[in-house]
N, C-alpha and C. Protein backbone atom coordinates (compact mmCIF):
# COMPACT_ATOMS: atom_id res chain seq x y z
N UNK A 1 -12.14 141.48 -79.31
CA UNK A 1 -11.54 140.53 -80.23
C UNK A 1 -10.63 141.31 -81.18
N UNK A 2 -9.42 140.84 -81.32
CA UNK A 2 -8.41 141.47 -82.14
C UNK A 2 -8.39 140.82 -83.53
N UNK A 3 -8.60 141.62 -84.61
CA UNK A 3 -8.62 141.08 -85.98
C UNK A 3 -8.00 142.06 -86.97
N UNK A 4 -6.82 142.59 -86.70
CA UNK A 4 -6.27 143.66 -87.54
C UNK A 4 -5.93 143.26 -88.97
N UNK A 5 -5.64 142.01 -89.24
CA UNK A 5 -5.20 141.59 -90.56
C UNK A 5 -6.32 141.05 -91.44
N UNK A 6 -7.55 141.19 -91.01
CA UNK A 6 -8.68 140.68 -91.79
C UNK A 6 -9.32 141.79 -92.61
N UNK A 7 -9.89 141.40 -93.73
CA UNK A 7 -10.69 142.35 -94.52
C UNK A 7 -12.00 142.59 -93.78
N UNK A 8 -12.74 143.59 -94.21
CA UNK A 8 -14.04 143.86 -93.59
C UNK A 8 -14.98 142.67 -93.73
N UNK A 9 -14.97 142.02 -94.90
CA UNK A 9 -15.82 140.86 -95.13
C UNK A 9 -15.42 139.70 -94.22
N UNK A 10 -14.13 139.44 -94.09
CA UNK A 10 -13.66 138.36 -93.21
C UNK A 10 -14.02 138.67 -91.75
N UNK A 11 -13.87 139.91 -91.37
CA UNK A 11 -14.21 140.32 -90.00
C UNK A 11 -15.69 140.09 -89.72
N UNK A 12 -16.55 140.45 -90.68
CA UNK A 12 -17.99 140.23 -90.50
C UNK A 12 -18.32 138.75 -90.36
N UNK A 13 -17.66 137.89 -91.17
CA UNK A 13 -17.94 136.45 -91.08
C UNK A 13 -17.49 135.89 -89.73
N UNK A 14 -16.34 136.35 -89.24
CA UNK A 14 -15.85 135.89 -87.93
C UNK A 14 -16.82 136.33 -86.83
N UNK A 15 -17.22 137.58 -86.86
CA UNK A 15 -18.15 138.08 -85.84
C UNK A 15 -19.49 137.37 -85.91
N UNK A 16 -19.96 137.11 -87.14
CA UNK A 16 -21.23 136.40 -87.32
C UNK A 16 -21.14 135.00 -86.71
N UNK A 17 -20.02 134.32 -86.94
CA UNK A 17 -19.86 132.97 -86.36
C UNK A 17 -19.81 133.04 -84.84
N UNK A 18 -19.03 133.98 -84.33
CA UNK A 18 -18.93 134.10 -82.87
C UNK A 18 -20.30 134.31 -82.24
N UNK A 19 -21.11 135.13 -82.86
CA UNK A 19 -22.44 135.43 -82.31
C UNK A 19 -23.47 134.34 -82.57
N UNK A 20 -23.23 133.47 -83.56
CA UNK A 20 -24.22 132.47 -83.97
C UNK A 20 -24.01 131.10 -83.36
N UNK A 21 -22.93 130.91 -82.60
CA UNK A 21 -22.64 129.58 -82.05
C UNK A 21 -22.94 129.59 -80.54
N UNK A 22 -24.12 129.10 -80.14
CA UNK A 22 -24.48 129.12 -78.72
C UNK A 22 -23.51 128.32 -77.84
N UNK A 23 -22.87 127.31 -78.42
CA UNK A 23 -21.96 126.46 -77.64
C UNK A 23 -20.82 127.27 -77.04
N UNK A 24 -20.33 128.28 -77.76
CA UNK A 24 -19.25 129.12 -77.23
C UNK A 24 -19.66 129.78 -75.93
N UNK A 25 -20.88 130.31 -75.91
CA UNK A 25 -21.38 130.96 -74.69
C UNK A 25 -21.62 129.95 -73.58
N UNK A 26 -22.18 128.80 -73.94
CA UNK A 26 -22.47 127.76 -72.95
C UNK A 26 -21.21 127.33 -72.21
N UNK A 27 -20.15 127.07 -72.96
CA UNK A 27 -18.91 126.57 -72.37
C UNK A 27 -18.07 127.71 -71.79
N UNK A 28 -18.20 128.92 -72.36
CA UNK A 28 -17.43 130.06 -71.89
C UNK A 28 -16.17 130.34 -72.69
N UNK A 29 -16.16 129.91 -73.95
CA UNK A 29 -15.01 130.13 -74.82
C UNK A 29 -14.99 131.58 -75.28
N UNK A 30 -13.83 132.21 -75.16
CA UNK A 30 -13.65 133.61 -75.56
C UNK A 30 -12.71 133.66 -76.76
N UNK A 31 -13.09 134.45 -77.77
CA UNK A 31 -12.25 134.63 -78.95
C UNK A 31 -11.35 135.83 -78.68
N UNK A 32 -10.04 135.57 -78.60
CA UNK A 32 -9.08 136.64 -78.31
C UNK A 32 -8.61 137.33 -79.59
N UNK A 33 -8.21 136.54 -80.59
CA UNK A 33 -7.74 137.13 -81.84
C UNK A 33 -7.94 136.15 -82.99
N UNK A 34 -8.13 136.72 -84.19
CA UNK A 34 -8.28 135.92 -85.40
C UNK A 34 -7.53 136.64 -86.52
N UNK A 35 -6.78 135.86 -87.29
CA UNK A 35 -6.10 136.38 -88.47
C UNK A 35 -6.30 135.39 -89.60
N UNK A 36 -5.79 135.69 -90.79
CA UNK A 36 -5.92 134.74 -91.89
C UNK A 36 -5.17 133.45 -91.57
N UNK A 37 -5.91 132.40 -91.26
CA UNK A 37 -5.29 131.11 -90.95
C UNK A 37 -4.80 130.96 -89.52
N UNK A 38 -5.16 131.88 -88.63
CA UNK A 38 -4.73 131.78 -87.23
C UNK A 38 -5.86 132.21 -86.30
N UNK A 39 -5.83 131.70 -85.09
CA UNK A 39 -6.80 132.12 -84.07
C UNK A 39 -6.25 131.80 -82.70
N UNK A 40 -6.60 132.63 -81.73
CA UNK A 40 -6.29 132.37 -80.33
C UNK A 40 -7.57 132.49 -79.54
N UNK A 41 -7.92 131.42 -78.83
CA UNK A 41 -9.12 131.38 -78.00
C UNK A 41 -8.75 131.05 -76.57
N UNK A 42 -9.57 131.50 -75.64
CA UNK A 42 -9.37 131.24 -74.21
C UNK A 42 -10.56 130.48 -73.65
N UNK A 43 -10.27 129.57 -72.74
CA UNK A 43 -11.33 128.90 -72.00
C UNK A 43 -10.94 128.91 -70.53
N UNK A 44 -11.56 129.79 -69.73
CA UNK A 44 -11.25 129.83 -68.30
C UNK A 44 -11.58 128.50 -67.63
N UNK A 45 -10.70 128.09 -66.74
CA UNK A 45 -10.95 126.87 -65.96
C UNK A 45 -12.00 127.22 -64.91
N UNK A 46 -13.14 126.54 -65.00
CA UNK A 46 -14.22 126.72 -64.03
C UNK A 46 -14.60 125.35 -63.48
N UNK A 47 -15.19 125.35 -62.30
CA UNK A 47 -15.57 124.09 -61.67
C UNK A 47 -16.44 123.23 -62.57
N UNK A 48 -17.36 123.86 -63.33
CA UNK A 48 -18.27 123.11 -64.19
C UNK A 48 -17.55 122.37 -65.32
N UNK A 49 -16.32 122.76 -65.60
CA UNK A 49 -15.55 122.15 -66.69
C UNK A 49 -14.47 121.20 -66.18
N UNK A 50 -14.51 120.87 -64.89
CA UNK A 50 -13.46 120.02 -64.33
C UNK A 50 -13.96 118.60 -64.08
N UNK A 51 -13.01 117.73 -63.96
CA UNK A 51 -13.27 116.36 -63.53
C UNK A 51 -12.74 116.26 -62.11
N UNK A 52 -12.48 115.06 -61.62
CA UNK A 52 -11.99 114.92 -60.26
C UNK A 52 -10.66 115.66 -60.09
N UNK A 53 -10.35 116.05 -58.87
CA UNK A 53 -9.12 116.77 -58.52
C UNK A 53 -9.02 118.15 -59.14
N UNK A 54 -10.11 118.72 -59.64
CA UNK A 54 -10.09 120.09 -60.16
C UNK A 54 -9.35 120.27 -61.47
N UNK A 55 -9.16 119.19 -62.21
CA UNK A 55 -8.47 119.24 -63.49
C UNK A 55 -9.51 119.44 -64.60
N UNK A 56 -9.20 120.34 -65.55
CA UNK A 56 -10.13 120.58 -66.66
C UNK A 56 -10.36 119.29 -67.43
N UNK A 57 -11.62 119.01 -67.70
CA UNK A 57 -12.02 117.80 -68.43
C UNK A 57 -11.44 117.83 -69.84
N UNK A 58 -10.98 116.68 -70.32
CA UNK A 58 -10.41 116.58 -71.66
C UNK A 58 -11.38 117.00 -72.74
N UNK A 59 -12.66 116.78 -72.53
CA UNK A 59 -13.66 117.19 -73.51
C UNK A 59 -13.76 118.71 -73.62
N UNK A 60 -13.56 119.40 -72.51
CA UNK A 60 -13.57 120.87 -72.54
C UNK A 60 -12.35 121.38 -73.31
N UNK A 61 -11.21 120.74 -73.10
CA UNK A 61 -9.99 121.11 -73.83
C UNK A 61 -10.20 120.84 -75.33
N UNK A 62 -10.78 119.70 -75.66
CA UNK A 62 -11.05 119.38 -77.06
C UNK A 62 -11.99 120.40 -77.69
N UNK A 63 -12.95 120.88 -76.92
CA UNK A 63 -13.91 121.86 -77.43
C UNK A 63 -13.25 123.19 -77.79
N UNK A 64 -12.36 123.66 -76.94
CA UNK A 64 -11.70 124.94 -77.25
C UNK A 64 -10.73 124.75 -78.42
N UNK A 65 -10.12 123.59 -78.54
CA UNK A 65 -9.23 123.32 -79.69
C UNK A 65 -10.04 123.32 -80.98
N UNK A 66 -11.13 122.57 -81.02
CA UNK A 66 -11.96 122.48 -82.22
C UNK A 66 -12.51 123.85 -82.60
N UNK A 67 -12.88 124.64 -81.62
CA UNK A 67 -13.39 125.98 -81.89
C UNK A 67 -12.29 126.89 -82.44
N UNK A 68 -11.09 126.79 -81.89
CA UNK A 68 -9.96 127.59 -82.39
C UNK A 68 -9.66 127.23 -83.84
N UNK A 69 -9.72 125.95 -84.16
CA UNK A 69 -9.51 125.52 -85.54
C UNK A 69 -10.53 126.20 -86.46
N UNK A 70 -11.78 126.16 -86.07
CA UNK A 70 -12.84 126.73 -86.90
C UNK A 70 -12.61 128.22 -87.15
N UNK A 71 -12.23 128.96 -86.11
CA UNK A 71 -11.99 130.39 -86.28
C UNK A 71 -10.76 130.68 -87.13
N UNK A 72 -9.75 129.82 -87.08
CA UNK A 72 -8.57 130.01 -87.93
C UNK A 72 -8.92 129.79 -89.40
N UNK A 73 -9.86 128.90 -89.65
CA UNK A 73 -10.24 128.55 -91.01
C UNK A 73 -11.17 129.58 -91.65
N UNK A 74 -12.07 130.17 -90.89
CA UNK A 74 -13.12 131.04 -91.43
C UNK A 74 -12.59 132.09 -92.43
N UNK A 75 -11.53 132.82 -92.11
CA UNK A 75 -11.08 133.84 -93.07
C UNK A 75 -10.60 133.29 -94.41
N UNK A 76 -10.32 132.00 -94.47
CA UNK A 76 -9.81 131.39 -95.70
C UNK A 76 -10.92 130.85 -96.60
N UNK A 77 -12.15 130.86 -96.11
CA UNK A 77 -13.26 130.28 -96.86
C UNK A 77 -13.96 131.33 -97.72
N UNK A 78 -14.50 130.87 -98.84
CA UNK A 78 -15.37 131.71 -99.65
C UNK A 78 -16.72 131.82 -98.94
N UNK A 79 -17.49 132.82 -99.30
CA UNK A 79 -18.79 133.04 -98.65
C UNK A 79 -19.70 131.82 -98.73
N UNK A 80 -19.60 131.03 -99.81
CA UNK A 80 -20.47 129.87 -99.99
C UNK A 80 -19.85 128.57 -99.49
N UNK A 81 -18.77 128.65 -98.72
CA UNK A 81 -18.11 127.44 -98.20
C UNK A 81 -18.32 127.29 -96.71
N UNK A 82 -18.39 126.04 -96.28
CA UNK A 82 -18.45 125.67 -94.87
C UNK A 82 -17.45 124.54 -94.69
N UNK A 83 -17.22 124.12 -93.46
CA UNK A 83 -16.34 122.98 -93.22
C UNK A 83 -16.96 122.04 -92.19
N UNK A 84 -16.48 120.82 -92.19
CA UNK A 84 -16.81 119.85 -91.14
C UNK A 84 -15.52 119.18 -90.71
N UNK A 85 -15.45 118.85 -89.44
CA UNK A 85 -14.27 118.18 -88.90
C UNK A 85 -14.25 116.73 -89.37
N UNK A 86 -13.10 116.30 -89.90
CA UNK A 86 -12.92 114.92 -90.33
C UNK A 86 -12.28 114.11 -89.21
N UNK A 87 -11.26 114.66 -88.58
CA UNK A 87 -10.61 113.97 -87.46
C UNK A 87 -9.98 114.99 -86.53
N UNK A 88 -9.66 114.54 -85.34
CA UNK A 88 -9.05 115.40 -84.33
C UNK A 88 -8.18 114.52 -83.44
N UNK A 89 -6.89 114.80 -83.41
CA UNK A 89 -5.96 114.06 -82.55
C UNK A 89 -5.38 115.03 -81.53
N UNK A 90 -5.51 114.69 -80.27
CA UNK A 90 -5.02 115.55 -79.19
C UNK A 90 -4.02 114.77 -78.35
N UNK A 91 -2.95 115.45 -77.99
CA UNK A 91 -1.97 114.91 -77.04
C UNK A 91 -2.03 115.80 -75.81
N UNK A 92 -2.53 115.23 -74.71
CA UNK A 92 -2.61 115.95 -73.44
C UNK A 92 -1.27 115.81 -72.74
N UNK A 93 -0.61 116.93 -72.45
CA UNK A 93 0.75 116.91 -71.92
C UNK A 93 0.84 117.27 -70.45
N UNK A 94 -0.07 118.09 -69.97
CA UNK A 94 -0.08 118.46 -68.54
C UNK A 94 -1.49 118.88 -68.17
N UNK A 95 -1.88 118.69 -66.93
CA UNK A 95 -3.24 119.06 -66.52
C UNK A 95 -3.42 120.58 -66.45
N UNK A 96 -4.63 121.00 -66.72
CA UNK A 96 -5.01 122.40 -66.57
C UNK A 96 -5.90 122.49 -65.34
N UNK A 97 -5.48 123.28 -64.34
CA UNK A 97 -6.26 123.33 -63.11
C UNK A 97 -6.54 124.74 -62.62
N UNK A 98 -6.09 125.74 -63.34
CA UNK A 98 -6.35 127.12 -62.94
C UNK A 98 -6.16 128.06 -64.11
N UNK A 99 -6.59 129.29 -63.95
CA UNK A 99 -6.41 130.27 -65.01
C UNK A 99 -7.29 129.95 -66.20
N UNK A 100 -6.67 129.89 -67.37
CA UNK A 100 -7.41 129.62 -68.61
C UNK A 100 -6.55 128.80 -69.55
N UNK A 101 -7.21 128.01 -70.37
CA UNK A 101 -6.55 127.29 -71.44
C UNK A 101 -6.47 128.25 -72.63
N UNK A 102 -5.27 128.69 -72.97
CA UNK A 102 -5.07 129.59 -74.13
C UNK A 102 -4.67 128.73 -75.31
N UNK A 103 -5.49 128.75 -76.35
CA UNK A 103 -5.28 127.87 -77.50
C UNK A 103 -4.93 128.68 -78.74
N UNK A 104 -3.77 128.37 -79.31
CA UNK A 104 -3.30 129.00 -80.55
C UNK A 104 -3.45 127.98 -81.68
N UNK A 105 -4.24 128.32 -82.67
CA UNK A 105 -4.45 127.43 -83.82
C UNK A 105 -3.90 128.09 -85.07
N UNK A 106 -3.41 127.26 -85.99
CA UNK A 106 -2.96 127.79 -87.27
C UNK A 106 -3.22 126.77 -88.37
N UNK A 107 -3.55 127.27 -89.53
CA UNK A 107 -3.76 126.41 -90.69
C UNK A 107 -2.39 126.01 -91.21
N UNK A 108 -2.18 124.71 -91.32
CA UNK A 108 -0.92 124.16 -91.84
C UNK A 108 -0.97 124.12 -93.36
N UNK A 109 -2.11 123.70 -93.90
CA UNK A 109 -2.30 123.64 -95.36
C UNK A 109 -3.79 123.75 -95.67
N UNK A 110 -4.10 124.61 -96.60
CA UNK A 110 -5.49 124.77 -97.04
C UNK A 110 -5.58 124.34 -98.50
N UNK A 111 -5.97 123.09 -98.70
CA UNK A 111 -6.12 122.56 -100.06
C UNK A 111 -7.51 122.85 -100.61
N UNK A 112 -7.75 122.40 -101.83
CA UNK A 112 -9.05 122.62 -102.46
C UNK A 112 -10.18 121.94 -101.70
N UNK A 113 -9.94 120.75 -101.12
CA UNK A 113 -10.99 119.99 -100.43
C UNK A 113 -10.69 119.80 -98.94
N UNK A 114 -9.42 119.66 -98.58
CA UNK A 114 -9.05 119.33 -97.21
C UNK A 114 -8.17 120.44 -96.62
N UNK A 115 -8.47 120.81 -95.39
CA UNK A 115 -7.70 121.82 -94.66
C UNK A 115 -7.11 121.14 -93.43
N UNK A 116 -5.80 121.30 -93.24
CA UNK A 116 -5.11 120.72 -92.08
C UNK A 116 -4.74 121.86 -91.13
N UNK A 117 -5.04 121.66 -89.85
CA UNK A 117 -4.76 122.67 -88.83
C UNK A 117 -4.06 122.05 -87.64
N UNK A 118 -3.27 122.87 -86.93
CA UNK A 118 -2.60 122.40 -85.72
C UNK A 118 -2.86 123.42 -84.61
N UNK A 119 -2.70 122.96 -83.38
CA UNK A 119 -2.92 123.86 -82.24
C UNK A 119 -2.00 123.49 -81.08
N UNK A 120 -1.76 124.50 -80.27
CA UNK A 120 -1.06 124.32 -79.00
C UNK A 120 -1.90 124.97 -77.92
N UNK A 121 -2.02 124.29 -76.80
CA UNK A 121 -2.78 124.80 -75.66
C UNK A 121 -1.80 125.06 -74.53
N UNK A 122 -1.90 126.24 -73.93
CA UNK A 122 -0.99 126.63 -72.85
C UNK A 122 -1.77 126.85 -71.56
N UNK A 123 -1.13 126.56 -70.44
CA UNK A 123 -1.76 126.78 -69.14
C UNK A 123 -1.53 128.21 -68.68
N UNK A 124 -1.94 128.51 -67.46
CA UNK A 124 -1.85 129.87 -66.94
C UNK A 124 -0.40 130.35 -66.79
N UNK A 125 0.56 129.43 -66.75
CA UNK A 125 1.98 129.77 -66.64
C UNK A 125 2.69 129.72 -67.99
N UNK A 126 1.90 129.67 -69.06
CA UNK A 126 2.40 129.60 -70.43
C UNK A 126 3.21 128.34 -70.72
N UNK A 127 2.88 127.27 -69.99
CA UNK A 127 3.50 125.97 -70.25
C UNK A 127 2.60 125.18 -71.18
N UNK A 128 3.21 124.46 -72.10
CA UNK A 128 2.46 123.69 -73.07
C UNK A 128 1.68 122.58 -72.37
N UNK A 129 0.35 122.59 -72.56
CA UNK A 129 -0.52 121.62 -71.89
C UNK A 129 -1.08 120.58 -72.85
N UNK A 130 -1.17 120.92 -74.14
CA UNK A 130 -1.71 119.98 -75.13
C UNK A 130 -1.31 120.44 -76.53
N UNK A 131 -1.24 119.47 -77.43
CA UNK A 131 -1.07 119.76 -78.86
C UNK A 131 -2.16 119.00 -79.61
N UNK A 132 -2.48 119.50 -80.79
CA UNK A 132 -3.54 118.85 -81.57
C UNK A 132 -3.31 119.05 -83.06
N UNK A 133 -3.86 118.11 -83.82
CA UNK A 133 -3.82 118.17 -85.27
C UNK A 133 -5.19 117.71 -85.77
N UNK A 134 -5.70 118.38 -86.79
CA UNK A 134 -7.02 118.05 -87.29
C UNK A 134 -7.10 118.30 -88.79
N UNK A 135 -8.05 117.63 -89.43
CA UNK A 135 -8.36 117.92 -90.82
C UNK A 135 -9.84 118.25 -90.93
N UNK A 136 -10.12 119.16 -91.84
CA UNK A 136 -11.48 119.59 -92.12
C UNK A 136 -11.76 119.42 -93.59
N UNK A 137 -12.99 119.16 -93.92
CA UNK A 137 -13.41 119.01 -95.29
C UNK A 137 -14.20 120.26 -95.69
N UNK A 138 -13.85 120.84 -96.84
CA UNK A 138 -14.61 121.99 -97.37
C UNK A 138 -15.92 121.48 -97.98
N UNK A 139 -16.99 122.20 -97.73
CA UNK A 139 -18.30 121.89 -98.30
C UNK A 139 -18.84 123.18 -98.93
N UNK A 140 -19.24 123.10 -100.18
CA UNK A 140 -19.83 124.24 -100.86
C UNK A 140 -21.35 124.18 -100.70
N UNK A 141 -21.91 125.29 -100.27
CA UNK A 141 -23.36 125.33 -100.05
C UNK A 141 -24.08 125.96 -101.22
């Protein structure tokens, strides 16, 4: 995992999240890179994640998008803050049937209570396969 622009504390929080979320392992999501307000995650296309005709299921694509959003947000949070997803809008533009779904997420705006993030998903040929926009709510623990 590439994290050159993070502080040691931010790096520890990202690594802790990666190791603490069993869903990432279950689905096979790989964290490629994380920076302040950015993240790139990969989800290899596997038979278990496909629907008919060998196309990656939309729910699997949504999962890697939501996970990329979370990793982009983590470095921007205080130690006592968490987030929850408020909404998620995805536009599926082309089917994913091989290689991996490479998802680039970035924070568009990080307000005091609401964080807005966007993402682009690319297929194995680096063609745009989906776009997404989401908002998250900050929660202080």
